[in-house]
C-alpha atoms as a PDB file:
ATOM      1  CA  MET A   1     -13.030 -46.835  77.682  1.00  0.00           C
ATOM      2  CA  PHE A   2     -16.379 -45.150  78.157  1.00  0.00           C
ATOM      3  CA  GLU A   3     -16.672 -41.515  77.196  1.00  0.00           C
ATOM      4  CA  LEU A   4     -18.601 -40.002  80.076  1.00  0.00           C
ATOM      5  CA  PHE A   5     -19.402 -36.852  78.180  1.00  0.00           C
ATOM      6  CA  ALA A   6     -20.408 -38.319  74.819  1.00  0.00           C
ATOM      7  CA  ARG A   7     -22.795 -36.294  72.677  1.00  0.00           C
ATOM      8  CA  GLY A   8     -24.884 -36.662  69.587  1.00  0.00           C
ATOM      9  CA  ASP A   9     -26.198 -40.255  69.568  1.00  0.00           C
ATOM     10  CA  GLY A  10     -29.523 -40.137  71.372  1.00  0.00           C
ATOM     11  CA  GLY A  11     -27.700 -39.952  74.704  1.00  0.00           C
ATOM     12  CA  THR A  12     -26.480 -36.419  74.219  1.00  0.00           C
ATOM     13  CA  GLY A  13     -24.966 -34.287  76.934  1.00  0.00           C
ATOM     14  CA  ARG A  14     -26.200 -35.157  80.428  1.00  0.00           C
ATOM     15  CA  ARG A  15     -28.188 -38.156  79.220  1.00  0.00           C
ATOM     16  CA  GLY A  16     -25.149 -39.723  77.557  1.00  0.00           C
ATOM     17  CA  ALA A  17     -23.079 -39.093  80.674  1.00  0.00           C
ATOM     18  CA  LEU A  18     -25.726 -40.730  82.879  1.00  0.00           C
ATOM     19  CA  ALA A  19     -25.899 -43.844  80.733  1.00  0.00           C
ATOM     20  CA  ALA A  20     -22.138 -44.229  80.468  1.00  0.00           C
ATOM     21  CA  ALA A  21     -21.557 -43.614  84.164  1.00  0.00           C
ATOM     22  CA  CYS A  22     -24.109 -46.259  85.076  1.00  0.00           C
ATOM     23  CA  ALA A  23     -22.599 -48.743  82.644  1.00  0.00           C
ATOM     24  CA  VAL A  24     -19.203 -48.240  84.252  1.00  0.00           C
ATOM     25  CA  ALA A  25     -20.736 -48.859  87.688  1.00  0.00           C
ATOM     26  CA  VAL A  26     -22.376 -52.086  86.532  1.00  0.00           C
ATOM     27  CA  LEU A  27     -19.169 -53.412  84.958  1.00  0.00           C
ATOM     28  CA  ALA A  28     -17.306 -52.592  88.139  1.00  0.00           C
ATOM     29  CA  GLY A  29     -19.727 -54.717  90.147  1.00  0.00           C
ATOM     30  CA  ALA A  30     -21.425 -51.782  91.834  1.00  0.00           C
ATOM     31  CA  GLY A  31     -24.964 -51.950  93.145  1.00  0.00           C
ATOM     32  CA  GLY A  32     -28.059 -50.306  91.766  1.00  0.00           C
ATOM     33  CA  CYS A  33     -27.865 -47.105  89.774  1.00  0.00           C
ATOM     34  CA  GLY A  34     -30.546 -44.464  90.051  1.00  0.00           C
ATOM     35  CA  GLU A  35     -32.721 -42.305  92.228  1.00  0.00           C
ATOM     36  CA  ASP A  36     -36.326 -41.259  92.482  1.00  0.00           C
ATOM     37  CA  GLY A  37     -37.677 -37.811  91.664  1.00  0.00           C
ATOM     38  CA  SER A  38     -39.784 -35.702  93.953  1.00  0.00           C
ATOM     39  CA  GLY A  39     -41.334 -32.256  94.089  1.00  0.00           C
ATOM     40  CA  GLY A  40     -42.206 -30.094  91.096  1.00  0.00           C
ATOM     41  CA  GLY A  41     -44.327 -27.221  89.891  1.00  0.00           C
ATOM     42  CA  ASP A  42     -47.338 -27.230  87.618  1.00  0.00           C
ATOM     43  CA  GLY A  43     -45.193 -27.471  84.480  1.00  0.00           C
ATOM     44  CA  ARG A  44     -47.556 -25.505  82.272  1.00  0.00           C
ATOM     45  CA  ALA A  45     -46.509 -22.722  79.980  1.00  0.00           C
ATOM     46  CA  ALA A  46     -48.641 -19.634  79.582  1.00  0.00           C
ATOM     47  CA  LYS A  47     -50.364 -20.821  76.421  1.00  0.00           C
ATOM     48  CA  SER A  48     -52.923 -23.626  76.786  1.00  0.00           C
ATOM     49  CA  PRO A  49     -53.488 -26.291  74.099  1.00  0.00           C
ATOM     50  CA  ALA A  50     -56.312 -25.578  71.691  1.00  0.00           C
ATOM     51  CA  PRO A  51     -59.210 -28.015  71.173  1.00  0.00           C
ATOM     52  CA  ALA A  52     -58.785 -30.567  68.398  1.00  0.00           C
ATOM     53  CA  ALA A  53     -61.475 -28.845  66.335  1.00  0.00           C
ATOM     54  CA  THR A  54     -59.551 -25.566  66.166  1.00  0.00           C
ATOM     55  CA  ALA A  55     -58.702 -24.641  62.594  1.00  0.00           C
ATOM     56  CA  PRO A  56     -54.985 -24.648  61.737  1.00  0.00           C
ATOM     57  CA  SER A  57     -53.110 -21.489  60.795  1.00  0.00           C
ATOM     58  CA  ALA A  58     -52.710 -20.208  57.265  1.00  0.00           C
ATOM     59  CA  GLY A  59     -49.408 -22.039  56.809  1.00  0.00           C
ATOM     60  CA  ALA A  60     -50.747 -25.328  58.151  1.00  0.00           C
ATOM     61  CA  ALA A  61     -49.807 -28.695  56.750  1.00  0.00           C
ATOM     62  CA  PRO A  62     -52.273 -30.892  54.876  1.00  0.00           C
ATOM     63  CA  SER A  63     -54.287 -33.444  56.875  1.00  0.00           C
ATOM     64  CA  GLY A  64     -51.713 -36.142  56.151  1.00  0.00           C
ATOM     65  CA  GLY A  65     -48.867 -34.031  57.515  1.00  0.00           C
ATOM     66  CA  LEU A  66     -45.717 -32.751  55.844  1.00  0.00           C
ATOM     67  CA  THR A  67     -43.479 -35.293  54.162  1.00  0.00           C
ATOM     68  CA  GLU A  68     -39.914 -35.949  55.259  1.00  0.00           C
ATOM     69  CA  ALA A  69     -38.682 -34.043  52.217  1.00  0.00           C
ATOM     70  CA  GLN A  70     -40.797 -31.029  53.179  1.00  0.00           C
ATOM     71  CA  LEU A  71     -39.608 -31.178  56.793  1.00  0.00           C
ATOM     72  CA  THR A  72     -36.008 -31.420  55.600  1.00  0.00           C
ATOM     73  CA  GLU A  73     -36.491 -28.284  53.531  1.00  0.00           C
ATOM     74  CA  ALA A  74     -37.951 -26.532  56.587  1.00  0.00           C
ATOM     75  CA  ALA A  75     -35.210 -27.697  58.985  1.00  0.00           C
ATOM     76  CA  LEU A  76     -31.872 -26.150  59.820  1.00  0.00           C
ATOM     77  CA  THR A  77     -29.051 -27.598  57.708  1.00  0.00           C
ATOM     78  CA  GLU A  78     -25.674 -29.019  58.659  1.00  0.00           C
ATOM     79  CA  GLY A  79     -23.046 -26.316  59.040  1.00  0.00           C
ATOM     80  CA  GLU A  80     -25.613 -23.531  59.369  1.00  0.00           C
ATOM     81  CA  ARG A  81     -24.967 -21.024  62.152  1.00  0.00           C
ATOM     82  CA  ALA A  82     -27.472 -19.705  64.664  1.00  0.00           C
ATOM     83  CA  GLY A  83     -25.581 -17.131  66.678  1.00  0.00           C
ATOM     84  CA  VAL A  84     -22.686 -18.971  68.344  1.00  0.00           C
ATOM     85  CA  HIS A  85     -24.360 -22.337  67.671  1.00  0.00           C
ATOM     86  CA  THR A  86     -23.469 -24.597  64.754  1.00  0.00           C
ATOM     87  CA  VAL A  87     -25.989 -27.050  63.300  1.00  0.00           C
ATOM     88  CA  SER A  88     -25.190 -30.702  62.619  1.00  0.00           C
ATOM     89  CA  GLU A  89     -27.053 -33.916  61.840  1.00  0.00           C
ATOM     90  CA  TYR A  90     -27.245 -36.945  64.088  1.00  0.00           C
ATOM     91  CA  VAL A  91     -25.060 -39.800  62.876  1.00  0.00           C
ATOM     92  CA  LEU A  92     -26.839 -42.468  64.932  1.00  0.00           C
ATOM     93  CA  ASP A  93     -30.023 -42.112  66.976  1.00  0.00           C
ATOM     94  CA  GLY A  94     -31.455 -38.654  67.361  1.00  0.00           C
ATOM     95  CA  PRO A  95     -32.764 -36.990  70.521  1.00  0.00           C
ATOM     96  CA  HIS A  96     -36.022 -37.806  72.297  1.00  0.00           C
ATOM     97  CA  SER A  97     -35.573 -41.451  71.285  1.00  0.00           C
ATOM     98  CA  ASP A  98     -37.675 -44.474  72.221  1.00  0.00           C
ATOM     99  CA  MET A  99     -35.005 -45.446  74.761  1.00  0.00           C
ATOM    100  CA  TYR A 100     -36.331 -42.796  77.142  1.00  0.00           C
ATOM    101  CA  THR A 101     -39.436 -43.545  79.188  1.00  0.00           C
ATOM    102  CA  ALA A 102     -41.044 -41.980  82.233  1.00  0.00           C
ATOM    103  CA  ASP A 103     -42.468 -43.261  85.489  1.00  0.00           C
ATOM    104  CA  PRO A 104     -45.366 -42.597  85.885  1.00  0.00           C
ATOM    105  CA  ALA A 105     -46.282 -43.029  82.224  1.00  0.00           C
ATOM    106  CA  VAL A 106     -48.370 -39.824  82.079  1.00  0.00           C
ATOM    107  CA  CYS A 107     -45.080 -37.897  82.308  1.00  0.00           C
ATOM    108  CA  GLN A 108     -43.795 -39.446  79.063  1.00  0.00           C
ATOM    109  CA  PRO A 109     -44.191 -36.311  76.884  1.00  0.00           C
ATOM    110  CA  LEU A 110     -41.781 -34.459  79.180  1.00  0.00           C
ATOM    111  CA  VAL A 111     -39.108 -37.103  78.573  1.00  0.00           C
ATOM    112  CA  SER A 112     -39.541 -38.201  74.948  1.00  0.00           C
ATOM    113  CA  LEU A 113     -42.081 -37.518  72.205  1.00  0.00           C
ATOM    114  CA  ALA A 114     -40.823 -40.359  69.993  1.00  0.00           C
ATOM    115  CA  GLY A 115     -43.727 -42.200  68.407  1.00  0.00           C
ATOM    116  CA  ASP A 116     -42.861 -45.607  69.868  1.00  0.00           C
ATOM    117  CA  VAL A 117     -43.160 -44.348  73.444  1.00  0.00           C
ATOM    118  CA  SER A 118     -45.495 -41.351  73.192  1.00  0.00           C
ATOM    119  CA  GLY A 119     -48.439 -43.135  71.575  1.00  0.00           C
ATOM    120  CA  HIS A 120     -48.553 -40.527  68.784  1.00  0.00           C
ATOM    121  CA  GLU A 121     -46.810 -41.783  65.652  1.00  0.00           C
ATOM    122  CA  PRO A 122     -45.644 -39.029  63.266  1.00  0.00           C
ATOM    123  CA  THR A 123     -45.840 -39.397  59.510  1.00  0.00           C
ATOM    124  CA  ALA A 124     -42.350 -37.915  59.209  1.00  0.00           C
ATOM    125  CA  GLN A 125     -39.639 -36.399  61.372  1.00  0.00           C
ATOM    126  CA  VAL A 126     -36.313 -34.613  60.954  1.00  0.00           C
ATOM    127  CA  GLN A 127     -33.795 -34.139  63.761  1.00  0.00           C
ATOM    128  CA  ARG A 128     -30.892 -31.757  64.158  1.00  0.00           C
ATOM    129  CA  LYS A 129     -28.628 -30.599  66.965  1.00  0.00           C
ATOM    130  CA  THR A 130     -26.741 -27.405  67.652  1.00  0.00           C
ATOM    131  CA  ASP A 131     -23.537 -27.065  69.654  1.00  0.00           C
ATOM    132  CA  ILE A 132     -21.073 -24.369  70.556  1.00  0.00           C
ATOM    133  CA  LEU A 133     -17.960 -25.778  68.934  1.00  0.00           C
ATOM    134  CA  ASP A 134     -14.915 -26.320  71.176  1.00  0.00           C
ATOM    135  CA  ASP A 135     -17.001 -25.739  74.304  1.00  0.00           C
ATOM    136  CA  MET A 136     -17.704 -29.013  76.083  1.00  0.00           C
ATOM    137  CA  ARG A 137     -19.836 -27.259  78.696  1.00  0.00           C
ATOM    138  CA  GLY A 138     -21.737 -25.167  76.198  1.00  0.00           C
ATOM    139  CA  VAL A 139     -25.461 -25.587  75.673  1.00  0.00           C
ATOM    140  CA  THR A 140     -26.538 -28.288  73.229  1.00  0.00           C
ATOM    141  CA  VAL A 141     -29.983 -28.067  71.642  1.00  0.00           C
ATOM    142  CA  ASP A 142     -31.839 -31.031  70.154  1.00  0.00           C
ATOM    143  CA  VAL A 143     -34.218 -29.811  67.435  1.00  0.00           C
ATOM    144  CA  THR A 144     -36.949 -32.112  66.155  1.00  0.00           C
ATOM    145  CA  LEU A 145     -39.592 -31.371  63.524  1.00  0.00           C
ATOM    146  CA  ARG A 146     -42.459 -33.853  63.351  1.00  0.00           C
ATOM    147  CA  SER A 147     -45.598 -33.953  61.207  1.00  0.00           C
ATOM    148  CA  TYR A 148     -48.713 -35.891  62.172  1.00  0.00           C
ATOM    149  CA  PRO A 149     -51.842 -37.100  60.406  1.00  0.00           C
ATOM    150  CA  GLY A 150     -55.203 -35.562  61.290  1.00  0.00           C
ATOM    151  CA  ASP A 151     -55.293 -34.032  64.767  1.00  0.00           C
ATOM    152  CA  GLY A 152     -52.153 -35.872  65.891  1.00  0.00           C
ATOM    153  CA  ALA A 153     -50.091 -32.748  66.539  1.00  0.00           C
ATOM    154  CA  ALA A 154     -52.854 -31.183  68.652  1.00  0.00           C
ATOM    155  CA  GLU A 155     -53.149 -34.441  70.609  1.00  0.00           C
ATOM    156  CA  VAL A 156     -49.409 -34.336  71.306  1.00  0.00           C
ATOM    157  CA  MET A 157     -49.759 -30.841  72.732  1.00  0.00           C
ATOM    158  CA  ARG A 158     -52.684 -31.878  74.920  1.00  0.00           C
ATOM    159  CA  ALA A 159     -50.657 -34.804  76.271  1.00  0.00           C
ATOM    160  CA  LEU A 160     -47.729 -32.485  76.932  1.00  0.00           C
ATOM    161  CA  GLY A 161     -49.918 -30.032  78.820  1.00  0.00           C
ATOM    162  CA  LYS A 162     -51.482 -32.847  80.849  1.00  0.00           C
ATOM    163  CA  ALA A 163     -48.023 -34.140  81.750  1.00  0.00           C
ATOM    164  CA  GLY A 164     -46.979 -30.702  82.905  1.00  0.00           C
ATOM    165  CA  THR A 165     -49.962 -30.602  85.269  1.00  0.00           C
ATOM    166  CA  GLU A 166     -50.116 -34.159  86.553  1.00  0.00           C
ATOM    167  CA  CYS A 167     -46.364 -34.598  87.033  1.00  0.00           C
ATOM    168  CA  ALA A 168     -46.038 -31.679  89.430  1.00  0.00           C
ATOM    169  CA  GLY A 169     -45.149 -34.133  92.197  1.00  0.00           C
ATOM    170  CA  GLY A 170     -42.007 -35.269  90.409  1.00  0.00           C
ATOM    171  CA  PHE A 171     -41.211 -38.229  88.182  1.00  0.00           C
ATOM    172  CA  THR A 172     -38.393 -40.459  87.017  1.00  0.00           C
ATOM    173  CA  GLU A 173     -36.730 -40.697  83.626  1.00  0.00           C
ATOM    174  CA  GLU A 174     -35.622 -44.214  82.735  1.00  0.00           C
ATOM    175  CA  ARG A 175     -33.133 -45.230  80.088  1.00  0.00           C
ATOM    176  CA  ALA A 176     -31.693 -48.731  80.086  1.00  0.00           C
ATOM    177  CA  LEU A 177     -30.006 -49.061  83.500  1.00  0.00           C
ATOM    178  CA  VAL A 178     -30.147 -45.356  84.319  1.00  0.00           C
ATOM    179  CA  ARG A 179     -32.840 -43.677  86.401  1.00  0.00           C
ATOM    180  CA  ALA A 180     -32.741 -39.890  86.767  1.00  0.00           C
ATOM    181  CA  GLY A 181     -34.987 -38.068  89.199  1.00  0.00           C
ATOM    182  CA  TYR A 182     -36.767 -34.955  87.952  1.00  0.00           C
ATOM    183  CA  GLU A 183     -36.850 -32.922  91.139  1.00  0.00           C
ATOM    184  CA  LYS A 184     -38.821 -29.988  89.795  1.00  0.00           C
ATOM    185  CA  THR A 185     -40.777 -29.076  86.674  1.00  0.00           C
ATOM    186  CA  GLU A 186     -41.975 -25.532  86.132  1.00  0.00           C
ATOM    187  CA  PRO A 187     -43.094 -23.224  83.325  1.00  0.00           C
ATOM    188  CA  ALA A 188     -40.412 -21.478  81.304  1.00  0.00           C
ATOM    189  CA  ALA A 189     -40.628 -18.370  79.150  1.00  0.00           C
ATOM    190  CA  LEU A 190     -42.061 -18.826  75.682  1.00  0.00           C
ATOM    191  CA  PRO A 191     -40.167 -17.385  72.695  1.00  0.00           C
ATOM    192  CA  PRO A 192     -41.391 -13.983  71.437  1.00  0.00           C
ATOM    193  CA  PHE A 193     -42.769 -15.546  68.244  1.00  0.00           C
ATOM    194  CA  ALA A 194     -44.950 -18.050  70.151  1.00  0.00           C
ATOM    195  CA  ASP A 195     -48.071 -16.049  69.257  1.00  0.00           C
ATOM    196  CA  GLU A 196     -47.448 -16.982  65.617  1.00  0.00           C
ATOM    197  CA  ALA A 197     -47.829 -20.679  66.484  1.00  0.00           C
ATOM    198  CA  ASP A 198     -51.124 -22.447  67.120  1.00  0.00           C
ATOM    199  CA  GLU A 199     -49.924 -23.736  70.499  1.00  0.00           C
ATOM    200  CA  ALA A 200     -46.774 -23.544  72.605  1.00  0.00           C
ATOM    201  CA  GLU A 201     -45.473 -25.085  75.836  1.00  0.00           C
ATOM    202  CA  ALA A 202     -42.174 -24.434  77.628  1.00  0.00           C
ATOM    203  CA  TYR A 203     -40.674 -26.090  80.697  1.00  0.00           C
ATOM    204  CA  ARG A 204     -37.656 -25.889  82.971  1.00  0.00           C
ATOM    205  CA  PHE A 205     -36.448 -29.101  84.633  1.00  0.00           C
ATOM    206  CA  THR A 206     -34.298 -29.428  87.733  1.00  0.00           C
ATOM    207  CA  ILE A 207     -32.751 -32.901  87.709  1.00  0.00           C
ATOM    208  CA  ARG A 208     -30.576 -34.873  90.118  1.00  0.00           C
ATOM    209  CA  ASP A 209     -27.602 -36.761  88.693  1.00  0.00           C
ATOM    210  CA  VAL A 210     -27.353 -40.542  89.162  1.00  0.00           C
ATOM    211  CA  LYS A 211     -25.237 -40.152  92.297  1.00  0.00           C
ATOM    212  CA  ASP A 212     -27.710 -37.629  93.726  1.00  0.00           C
ATOM    213  CA  GLU A 213     -24.834 -35.200  94.192  1.00  0.00           C
ATOM    214  CA  LEU A 214     -25.475 -32.540  91.560  1.00  0.00           C
ATOM    215  CA  LYS A 215     -28.405 -30.502  90.306  1.00  0.00           C
ATOM    216  CA  LEU A 216     -28.584 -30.223  86.536  1.00  0.00           C
ATOM    217  CA  TYR A 217     -30.947 -28.251  84.323  1.00  0.00           C
ATOM    218  CA  GLU A 218     -32.772 -28.874  81.074  1.00  0.00           C
ATOM    219  CA  TYR A 219     -35.281 -26.834  79.109  1.00  0.00           C
ATOM    220  CA  LEU A 220     -37.967 -27.999  76.702  1.00  0.00           C
ATOM    221  CA  THR A 221     -39.974 -25.819  74.326  1.00  0.00           C
ATOM    222  CA  VAL A 222     -42.515 -27.317  71.924  1.00  0.00           C
ATOM    223  CA  LEU A 223     -44.579 -25.385  69.381  1.00  0.00           C
ATOM    224  CA  ARG A 224     -47.328 -26.515  67.034  1.00  0.00           C
ATOM    225  CA  SER A 225     -48.090 -25.057  63.636  1.00  0.00           C
ATOM    226  CA  GLY A 226     -50.914 -26.898  61.935  1.00  0.00           C
ATOM    227  CA  SER A 227     -50.010 -30.590  61.874  1.00  0.00           C
ATOM    228  CA  THR A 228     -46.319 -29.996  62.635  1.00  0.00           C
ATOM    229  CA  THR A 229     -44.551 -29.759  65.987  1.00  0.00           C
ATOM    230  CA  LEU A 230     -41.161 -28.171  66.566  1.00  0.00           C
ATOM    231  CA  ALA A 231     -39.424 -29.388  69.728  1.00  0.00           C
ATOM    232  CA  PHE A 232     -36.306 -27.831  71.259  1.00  0.00           C
ATOM    233  CA  ARG A 233     -34.568 -29.542  74.189  1.00  0.00           C
ATOM    234  CA  ALA A 234     -31.553 -27.750  75.664  1.00  0.00           C
ATOM    235  CA  GLU A 235     -29.026 -29.183  78.096  1.00  0.00           C
ATOM    236  CA  SER A 236     -25.513 -28.573  79.342  1.00  0.00           C
ATOM    237  CA  LEU A 237     -22.865 -30.573  81.169  1.00  0.00           C
ATOM    238  CA  GLY A 238     -22.414 -27.659  83.553  1.00  0.00           C
ATOM    239  CA  THR A 239     -24.316 -27.348  86.814  1.00  0.00           C
ATOM    240  CA  GLU A 240     -25.341 -23.714  86.377  1.00  0.00           C
ATOM    241  CA  ASP A 241     -28.803 -22.779  85.171  1.00  0.00           C
ATOM    242  CA  PHE A 242     -28.184 -21.524  81.636  1.00  0.00           C
ATOM    243  CA  GLY A 243     -31.538 -19.752  81.440  1.00  0.00           C
ATOM    244  CA  GLY A 244     -33.445 -21.516  78.685  1.00  0.00           C
ATOM    245  CA  VAL A 245     -33.339 -22.738  75.112  1.00  0.00           C
ATOM    246  CA  PRO A 246     -31.032 -20.318  73.265  1.00  0.00           C
ATOM    247  CA  GLN A 247     -33.250 -17.773  71.547  1.00  0.00           C
ATOM    248  CA  GLU A 248     -31.085 -17.583  68.417  1.00  0.00           C
ATOM    249  CA  VAL A 249     -31.585 -21.300  67.752  1.00  0.00           C
ATOM    250  CA  MET A 250     -35.369 -21.114  68.049  1.00  0.00           C
ATOM    251  CA  ASP A 251     -35.491 -17.909  65.982  1.00  0.00           C
ATOM    252  CA  ALA A 252     -33.437 -19.426  63.169  1.00  0.00           C
ATOM    253  CA  GLN A 253     -35.480 -22.626  63.028  1.00  0.00           C
ATOM    254  CA  TRP A 254     -38.852 -20.889  63.252  1.00  0.00           C
ATOM    255  CA  LYS A 255     -37.925 -18.414  60.525  1.00  0.00           C
ATOM    256  CA  LYS A 256     -36.833 -21.194  58.197  1.00  0.00           C
ATOM    257  CA  PHE A 257     -39.896 -23.290  58.970  1.00  0.00           C
ATOM    258  CA  ARG A 258     -42.296 -20.437  58.333  1.00  0.00           C
ATOM    259  CA  ALA A 259     -40.575 -19.557  55.063  1.00  0.00           C
ATOM    260  CA  ALA A 260     -40.902 -23.159  53.832  1.00  0.00           C
ATOM    261  CA  ALA A 261     -44.477 -23.548  55.099  1.00  0.00           C
ATOM    262  CA  GLY A 262     -45.553 -20.232  53.623  1.00  0.00           C
END
């Protein structure tokens, strides 16, 4: 039996539900599964990407990027608490995987920043998730730290900003047999510590479910510090707008990252 609300394997929360629901439809002999996106805002956060030549901050990574061991030290650890959220590690695939692509392709950074599909291969990455235990409809946050060689991290941020601008007319997220329509993309509030980062982008997504019956919400915040990016993607199985990536999760991860980088 398919678990329509599976979490934690690269198809977390809404994405896992979409994939499972579509698989059930296919096995049952149903027709096509998906819908097209339309509409959208400009998708840009208040802080614009810096040119590639901009010098990194004092705590910046070396030109080759942080190693996996260094990222692990800087990442939240399993069992750690961030407010009401509990941190865990992904057993199988992590979030933002190479199974997620966008149509048109310029929108890819809004869907997944995985190296295989984003065109920007990191030298190392560490992924975590946070959940509110015993609350199926609570907000889940996918947290990914990635380090890049050279100007790779700055290039990622430029691609993300370009996607936020050029995908204002809407786009489609594709994963296996599932197609989800992003109805609207608009800027979201940056965390208070964003000024400490070299660059920051934040977005709010309004998404239609595969049956085109419900509106769902996701939030994405990405920050760059030197050659490292910190990405937070928040989602919920509920249909109410939960207001953004939980601040306590971003605060806890940023504080730990800065302490390790410093």
